[in-house]
Amino acid sequence: MDEYAWPSGPNVPAAEVVRQNWEATVAALPVGARVRGEVIGRQRFGVFIRVEGVLGAVALAEVTAMPRGMELPVLGLYVEGEVVDHAQHNHQVKIRLPD
C-alpha cells in the first residue's frame, strides 16, 4: 500500500457539500482561527484535514507550513493548527501546523 492517499471514505465531505458550505466555512474559520481535525489524506506536498465543528470544511497543511523536520501526520491522526489563508478556487482552508 502506498503511504500517500487522496481523501476518501465515509468521513470525507462530498465535494458538493464542501462547495455549498464554502461561504459559511470562511466565516467560521477566519485567518488566525485555531482548528482541530482528522487527517483524511496525505500527499508529498502536505496533508488534508477534515475540520471539526464546521460542516464540509476541508483544510490543507502544506509541507511548507509544517515545522522543519516534521514528518507528515498519518491518516486518522488528529492535528491542530492555525488558519493562514482560504483557497477560493478549490474551497480549501490553508492551515499551518504548530512548531
N, C-alpha and C. Protein backbone atom coordinates (compact mmCIF):
# COMPACT_ATOMS: atom_id res chain seq x y z
N MET A 1 0.84 -1.19 0.00
CA MET A 1 0.00 0.00 0.00
C MET A 1 0.88 1.24 0.00
N ASP A 2 0.55 2.20 -0.83
CA ASP A 2 1.27 3.46 -0.91
C ASP A 2 1.00 4.28 0.35
N GLU A 3 2.01 4.96 0.86
CA GLU A 3 1.82 5.77 2.06
C GLU A 3 1.06 7.06 1.78
N TYR A 4 0.89 7.39 0.50
CA TYR A 4 0.17 8.60 0.13
C TYR A 4 -1.22 8.24 -0.37
N ALA A 5 -2.20 9.05 0.00
CA ALA A 5 -3.58 8.78 -0.38
C ALA A 5 -4.36 10.08 -0.51
N TRP A 6 -5.22 10.14 -1.51
CA TRP A 6 -6.14 11.27 -1.63
C TRP A 6 -7.27 11.05 -0.63
N PRO A 7 -7.91 12.12 -0.18
CA PRO A 7 -9.02 11.95 0.75
C PRO A 7 -10.10 11.05 0.17
N SER A 8 -10.52 10.05 0.94
CA SER A 8 -11.59 9.17 0.51
C SER A 8 -12.20 8.50 1.74
N GLY A 9 -13.37 7.93 1.56
CA GLY A 9 -14.01 7.20 2.64
C GLY A 9 -15.24 7.91 3.17
N PRO A 10 -15.92 7.26 4.10
CA PRO A 10 -17.20 7.78 4.59
C PRO A 10 -17.09 9.07 5.43
N ASN A 11 -15.92 9.37 5.97
CA ASN A 11 -15.76 10.57 6.79
C ASN A 11 -15.30 11.78 6.00
N VAL A 12 -15.16 11.64 4.69
CA VAL A 12 -14.71 12.73 3.84
C VAL A 12 -15.93 13.45 3.27
N PRO A 13 -16.01 14.77 3.48
CA PRO A 13 -17.16 15.51 2.94
C PRO A 13 -17.20 15.42 1.42
N ALA A 14 -18.38 15.25 0.88
CA ALA A 14 -18.56 15.23 -0.57
C ALA A 14 -18.22 16.60 -1.15
N ALA A 15 -17.68 16.62 -2.36
CA ALA A 15 -17.27 17.87 -3.00
C ALA A 15 -18.42 18.87 -3.04
N GLU A 16 -19.62 18.41 -3.31
CA GLU A 16 -20.78 19.31 -3.38
C GLU A 16 -21.06 19.94 -2.02
N VAL A 17 -20.92 19.19 -0.94
CA VAL A 17 -21.11 19.73 0.41
C VAL A 17 -20.06 20.79 0.70
N VAL A 18 -18.82 20.52 0.32
CA VAL A 18 -17.74 21.50 0.53
C VAL A 18 -18.05 22.79 -0.21
N ARG A 19 -18.47 22.68 -1.49
CA ARG A 19 -18.81 23.86 -2.29
C ARG A 19 -20.00 24.62 -1.70
N GLN A 20 -21.06 23.91 -1.33
CA GLN A 20 -22.26 24.56 -0.82
C GLN A 20 -22.01 25.29 0.50
N ASN A 21 -21.08 24.81 1.29
CA ASN A 21 -20.82 25.39 2.60
C ASN A 21 -19.62 26.33 2.63
N TRP A 22 -19.05 26.65 1.45
CA TRP A 22 -17.82 27.42 1.42
C TRP A 22 -17.93 28.77 2.13
N GLU A 23 -18.95 29.54 1.85
CA GLU A 23 -19.08 30.86 2.49
C GLU A 23 -19.19 30.73 4.00
N ALA A 24 -19.94 29.76 4.48
CA ALA A 24 -20.07 29.52 5.93
C ALA A 24 -18.74 29.06 6.51
N THR A 25 -17.98 28.27 5.75
CA THR A 25 -16.67 27.81 6.21
C THR A 25 -15.73 28.99 6.40
N VAL A 26 -15.66 29.87 5.42
CA VAL A 26 -14.78 31.04 5.51
C VAL A 26 -15.19 31.93 6.69
N ALA A 27 -16.49 32.10 6.89
CA ALA A 27 -16.97 32.92 8.01
C ALA A 27 -16.64 32.28 9.35
N ALA A 28 -16.74 30.96 9.44
CA ALA A 28 -16.49 30.25 10.70
C ALA A 28 -15.01 30.10 11.01
N LEU A 29 -14.17 30.15 9.96
CA LEU A 29 -12.74 29.90 10.13
C LEU A 29 -11.91 31.05 9.55
N PRO A 30 -11.95 32.22 10.18
CA PRO A 30 -11.18 33.35 9.66
C PRO A 30 -9.67 33.12 9.84
N VAL A 31 -8.87 33.85 9.10
CA VAL A 31 -7.43 33.78 9.27
C VAL A 31 -7.09 34.04 10.74
N GLY A 32 -6.25 33.19 11.29
CA GLY A 32 -5.86 33.29 12.69
C GLY A 32 -6.62 32.34 13.60
N ALA A 33 -7.72 31.76 13.12
CA ALA A 33 -8.51 30.84 13.93
C ALA A 33 -7.74 29.56 14.19
N ARG A 34 -7.89 29.01 15.37
CA ARG A 34 -7.31 27.70 15.71
C ARG A 34 -8.29 26.62 15.29
N VAL A 35 -7.78 25.55 14.69
CA VAL A 35 -8.63 24.45 14.23
C VAL A 35 -8.05 23.12 14.68
N ARG A 36 -8.92 22.14 14.73
CA ARG A 36 -8.53 20.77 15.04
C ARG A 36 -9.28 19.87 14.07
N GLY A 37 -8.63 18.81 13.63
CA GLY A 37 -9.30 17.91 12.72
C GLY A 37 -8.51 16.65 12.46
N GLU A 38 -9.15 15.76 11.70
CA GLU A 38 -8.58 14.44 11.39
C GLU A 38 -7.90 14.46 10.03
N VAL A 39 -6.72 13.88 9.95
CA VAL A 39 -6.01 13.74 8.68
C VAL A 39 -6.77 12.71 7.84
N ILE A 40 -7.25 13.17 6.66
CA ILE A 40 -8.05 12.30 5.79
C ILE A 40 -7.36 12.00 4.47
N GLY A 41 -6.22 12.61 4.23
CA GLY A 41 -5.46 12.37 3.01
C GLY A 41 -4.03 12.85 3.17
N ARG A 42 -3.10 12.17 2.48
CA ARG A 42 -1.68 12.52 2.54
C ARG A 42 -1.11 12.53 1.13
N GLN A 43 -0.36 13.55 0.84
CA GLN A 43 0.40 13.63 -0.41
C GLN A 43 1.78 14.18 -0.07
N ARG A 44 2.70 14.08 -0.99
CA ARG A 44 4.06 14.56 -0.72
C ARG A 44 4.08 16.04 -0.35
N PHE A 45 3.11 16.79 -0.84
CA PHE A 45 3.08 18.24 -0.60
C PHE A 45 2.37 18.62 0.69
N GLY A 46 1.69 17.69 1.37
CA GLY A 46 1.02 18.01 2.63
C GLY A 46 -0.09 17.05 2.98
N VAL A 47 -0.90 17.46 3.96
CA VAL A 47 -2.00 16.61 4.42
C VAL A 47 -3.33 17.35 4.34
N PHE A 48 -4.38 16.59 4.04
CA PHE A 48 -5.74 17.10 4.02
C PHE A 48 -6.39 16.77 5.37
N ILE A 49 -7.14 17.71 5.89
CA ILE A 49 -7.71 17.57 7.23
C ILE A 49 -9.20 17.90 7.19
N ARG A 50 -10.02 17.02 7.77
CA ARG A 50 -11.45 17.30 7.95
C ARG A 50 -11.56 18.08 9.24
N VAL A 51 -11.96 19.34 9.15
CA VAL A 51 -12.00 20.23 10.30
C VAL A 51 -13.21 19.92 11.17
N GLU A 52 -12.99 19.79 12.45
CA GLU A 52 -14.08 19.52 13.40
C GLU A 52 -14.96 20.75 13.56
N GLY A 53 -16.26 20.51 13.70
CA GLY A 53 -17.19 21.56 14.05
C GLY A 53 -17.67 22.45 12.92
N VAL A 54 -17.18 22.23 11.70
CA VAL A 54 -17.60 23.06 10.57
C VAL A 54 -17.97 22.12 9.42
N LEU A 55 -19.26 22.00 9.15
CA LEU A 55 -19.76 21.09 8.12
C LEU A 55 -19.10 21.35 6.77
N GLY A 56 -18.50 20.33 6.21
CA GLY A 56 -17.92 20.43 4.87
C GLY A 56 -16.58 21.14 4.79
N ALA A 57 -15.95 21.43 5.91
CA ALA A 57 -14.67 22.14 5.88
C ALA A 57 -13.51 21.17 5.71
N VAL A 58 -12.72 21.40 4.67
CA VAL A 58 -11.52 20.62 4.42
C VAL A 58 -10.34 21.58 4.42
N ALA A 59 -9.31 21.23 5.17
CA ALA A 59 -8.12 22.06 5.26
C ALA A 59 -6.95 21.34 4.62
N LEU A 60 -5.96 22.12 4.23
CA LEU A 60 -4.71 21.57 3.71
C LEU A 60 -3.57 22.21 4.49
N ALA A 61 -2.74 21.36 5.07
CA ALA A 61 -1.49 21.81 5.70
C ALA A 61 -0.37 21.38 4.76
N GLU A 62 0.19 22.34 4.03
CA GLU A 62 1.26 22.03 3.09
C GLU A 62 2.57 21.82 3.85
N VAL A 63 3.45 21.06 3.24
CA VAL A 63 4.76 20.79 3.85
C VAL A 63 5.45 22.10 4.23
N THR A 64 5.31 23.12 3.40
CA THR A 64 5.96 24.40 3.67
C THR A 64 5.36 25.10 4.90
N ALA A 65 4.19 24.64 5.37
CA ALA A 65 3.55 25.23 6.54
C ALA A 65 3.65 24.31 7.75
N MET A 66 4.62 23.39 7.71
CA MET A 66 4.86 22.48 8.83
C MET A 66 6.22 22.81 9.44
N PRO A 67 6.39 22.52 10.73
CA PRO A 67 7.69 22.75 11.34
C PRO A 67 8.79 21.98 10.61
N ARG A 68 9.96 22.59 10.50
CA ARG A 68 11.10 21.95 9.83
C ARG A 68 11.38 20.59 10.45
N GLY A 69 11.51 19.58 9.60
CA GLY A 69 11.82 18.24 10.06
C GLY A 69 10.62 17.41 10.49
N MET A 70 9.44 18.02 10.52
CA MET A 70 8.24 17.29 10.91
C MET A 70 7.86 16.28 9.83
N GLU A 71 7.53 15.08 10.25
CA GLU A 71 7.06 14.07 9.30
C GLU A 71 5.57 14.31 9.03
N LEU A 72 5.12 13.91 7.86
CA LEU A 72 3.70 14.05 7.55
C LEU A 72 2.88 13.25 8.55
N PRO A 73 1.85 13.86 9.14
CA PRO A 73 0.97 13.10 10.03
C PRO A 73 0.30 11.95 9.27
N VAL A 74 0.05 10.86 9.96
CA VAL A 74 -0.56 9.68 9.35
C VAL A 74 -2.07 9.83 9.24
N LEU A 75 -2.67 9.06 8.35
CA LEU A 75 -4.14 9.05 8.21
C LEU A 75 -4.78 8.70 9.55
N GLY A 76 -5.84 9.42 9.87
CA GLY A 76 -6.59 9.16 11.11
C GLY A 76 -6.10 9.93 12.31
N LEU A 77 -4.91 10.53 12.23
CA LEU A 77 -4.38 11.31 13.34
C LEU A 77 -5.13 12.63 13.45
N TYR A 78 -5.37 13.09 14.66
CA TYR A 78 -5.97 14.40 14.88
C TYR A 78 -4.86 15.41 15.10
N VAL A 79 -4.93 16.53 14.40
CA VAL A 79 -3.92 17.58 14.50
C VAL A 79 -4.59 18.92 14.77
N GLU A 80 -3.81 19.86 15.24
CA GLU A 80 -4.29 21.22 15.46
C GLU A 80 -3.43 22.18 14.66
N GLY A 81 -4.01 23.28 14.27
CA GLY A 81 -3.26 24.27 13.50
C GLY A 81 -3.96 25.61 13.51
N GLU A 82 -3.41 26.53 12.72
CA GLU A 82 -3.94 27.88 12.62
C GLU A 82 -4.26 28.19 11.16
N VAL A 83 -5.41 28.79 10.92
CA VAL A 83 -5.81 29.17 9.57
C VAL A 83 -4.90 30.30 9.09
N VAL A 84 -4.32 30.12 7.89
CA VAL A 84 -3.45 31.15 7.32
C VAL A 84 -3.98 31.72 6.01
N ASP A 85 -4.96 31.03 5.39
CA ASP A 85 -5.48 31.51 4.11
C ASP A 85 -6.71 30.69 3.73
N HIS A 86 -7.40 31.16 2.70
CA HIS A 86 -8.54 30.44 2.12
C HIS A 86 -8.31 30.35 0.61
N ALA A 87 -8.38 29.16 0.06
CA ALA A 87 -8.20 28.97 -1.38
C ALA A 87 -9.58 28.85 -2.04
N GLN A 88 -10.06 29.95 -2.57
CA GLN A 88 -11.39 30.00 -3.19
C GLN A 88 -11.52 29.02 -4.35
N HIS A 89 -10.48 28.89 -5.17
CA HIS A 89 -10.57 28.09 -6.38
C HIS A 89 -10.83 26.61 -6.11
N ASN A 90 -10.38 26.08 -4.96
CA ASN A 90 -10.64 24.67 -4.66
C ASN A 90 -11.28 24.46 -3.29
N HIS A 91 -11.76 25.55 -2.70
CA HIS A 91 -12.52 25.51 -1.45
C HIS A 91 -11.76 24.82 -0.31
N GLN A 92 -10.49 25.19 -0.16
CA GLN A 92 -9.66 24.65 0.91
C GLN A 92 -9.27 25.75 1.88
N VAL A 93 -9.28 25.38 3.14
CA VAL A 93 -8.77 26.24 4.19
C VAL A 93 -7.30 25.87 4.35
N LYS A 94 -6.41 26.82 4.22
CA LYS A 94 -4.98 26.56 4.36
C LYS A 94 -4.62 26.75 5.84
N ILE A 95 -3.91 25.78 6.41
CA ILE A 95 -3.51 25.90 7.81
C ILE A 95 -2.01 25.64 7.97
N ARG A 96 -1.51 26.16 9.08
CA ARG A 96 -0.12 25.93 9.48
C ARG A 96 -0.15 25.11 10.75
N LEU A 97 0.64 24.05 10.78
CA LEU A 97 0.74 23.22 11.98
C LEU A 97 1.77 23.86 12.91
N PRO A 98 1.57 23.76 14.22
CA PRO A 98 2.45 24.44 15.18
C PRO A 98 3.83 23.80 15.26
N ASP A 99 4.79 24.63 15.70
CA ASP A 99 6.16 24.15 15.96
C ASP A 99 6.20 23.29 17.19
